[in-house]
């Protein structure tokens, strides 16, 4: 346990930030799964749009790395394009 007052405060703020980031990452996973599991349904485009929006938002806030966001979007588009062409 830290002895310095500022470090004790930093531990608390880091815990709060980690909790917020955890919620965002969880939502990202849910959005990506829902976009992948649409199987060409009508709401597939909306699910994809929401997933990409959340990925971009998380990257902008620094929750995920920008390269990870780009890679995830690329893989998502690749999967959905393969579904629609097949």
Protein backbone atom coordinates (compact mmCIF):
# COMPACT_ATOMS: atom_id res chain seq x y z
CA UNK A 1 0.00 0.00 0.00
CA UNK A 2 1.23 3.48 -0.85
CA UNK A 3 2.28 5.91 1.88
CA UNK A 4 2.16 9.08 -0.21
CA UNK A 5 -1.17 10.89 -0.26
CA UNK A 6 -1.09 11.67 -3.98
CA UNK A 7 -0.32 8.05 -4.79
CA UNK A 8 -3.29 6.88 -2.69
CA UNK A 9 -5.51 9.25 -4.66
CA UNK A 10 -3.99 8.03 -7.91
CA UNK A 11 -4.81 4.43 -7.00
CA UNK A 12 -8.46 5.39 -6.49
CA UNK A 13 -8.72 7.34 -9.74
CA UNK A 14 -7.03 4.52 -11.66
CA UNK A 15 -9.57 2.07 -10.27
CA UNK A 16 -12.44 4.30 -11.43
CA UNK A 17 -10.94 4.66 -14.89
CA UNK A 18 -10.36 0.91 -15.13
CA UNK A 19 -14.01 0.29 -14.26
CA UNK A 20 -15.17 2.70 -16.99
CA UNK A 21 -12.77 1.21 -19.53
CA UNK A 22 -13.95 -2.29 -18.65
CA UNK A 23 -17.54 -1.31 -19.41
CA UNK A 24 -16.54 0.19 -22.77
CA UNK A 25 -14.51 -2.88 -23.75
CA UNK A 26 -17.42 -5.12 -22.80
CA UNK A 27 -19.79 -3.08 -24.94
CA UNK A 28 -17.32 -3.26 -27.84
CA UNK A 29 -17.31 -7.05 -27.67
CA UNK A 30 -21.12 -7.11 -27.60
CA UNK A 31 -21.44 -4.74 -30.58
CA UNK A 32 -18.90 -6.72 -32.62
CA UNK A 33 -20.64 -10.02 -31.87
CA UNK A 34 -24.02 -8.62 -32.82
CA UNK A 35 -22.60 -7.25 -36.10
CA UNK A 36 -20.99 -10.60 -36.98
CA UNK A 37 -24.02 -12.69 -36.02
CA UNK A 38 -26.56 -10.82 -38.16
CA UNK A 39 -26.08 -13.24 -41.12
CA UNK A 40 -27.39 -10.82 -43.75
CA UNK A 41 -30.46 -9.69 -41.82
CA UNK A 42 -32.06 -6.29 -42.33
CA UNK A 43 -30.48 -4.82 -39.22
CA UNK A 44 -27.00 -5.99 -40.23
CA UNK A 45 -26.01 -2.61 -41.63
CA UNK A 46 -27.18 -0.86 -38.46
CA UNK A 47 -25.30 -3.31 -36.25
CA UNK A 48 -22.15 -2.77 -38.31
CA UNK A 49 -22.52 1.00 -38.16
CA UNK A 50 -22.94 0.94 -34.37
CA UNK A 51 -19.97 -1.41 -33.93
CA UNK A 52 -17.70 0.81 -36.03
CA UNK A 53 -18.92 3.89 -34.18
CA UNK A 54 -18.12 2.36 -30.79
CA UNK A 55 -14.72 1.15 -31.99
CA UNK A 56 -13.83 4.65 -33.22
CA UNK A 57 -15.05 6.21 -29.99
CA UNK A 58 -12.99 3.84 -27.85
CA UNK A 59 -9.88 4.55 -29.93
CA UNK A 60 -10.44 8.30 -29.70
CA UNK A 61 -10.69 8.11 -25.91
CA UNK A 62 -7.57 5.98 -25.66
CA UNK A 63 -9.32 2.91 -24.32
CA UNK A 64 -8.00 0.80 -27.18
CA UNK A 65 -5.00 1.46 -29.41
CA UNK A 66 -5.77 3.13 -32.76
CA UNK A 67 -4.09 0.28 -34.64
CA UNK A 68 -6.27 -2.24 -32.81
CA UNK A 69 -9.33 -0.22 -33.81
CA UNK A 70 -8.27 -0.22 -37.46
CA UNK A 71 -7.48 -3.94 -37.39
CA UNK A 72 -10.80 -4.79 -35.75
CA UNK A 73 -12.79 -2.70 -38.23
CA UNK A 74 -10.90 -4.26 -41.13
CA UNK A 75 -11.59 -7.79 -39.92
CA UNK A 76 -15.22 -6.95 -39.28
CA UNK A 77 -15.68 -5.54 -42.79
CA UNK A 78 -13.88 -8.52 -44.27
CA UNK A 79 -16.20 -10.99 -42.49
CA UNK A 80 -19.35 -9.13 -43.47
CA UNK A 81 -18.27 -8.72 -47.10
CA UNK A 82 -17.52 -12.44 -47.27
CA UNK A 83 -21.02 -13.20 -45.93
CA UNK A 84 -22.79 -10.93 -48.40
CA UNK A 85 -20.83 -12.15 -51.43
CA UNK A 86 -21.34 -15.83 -50.58
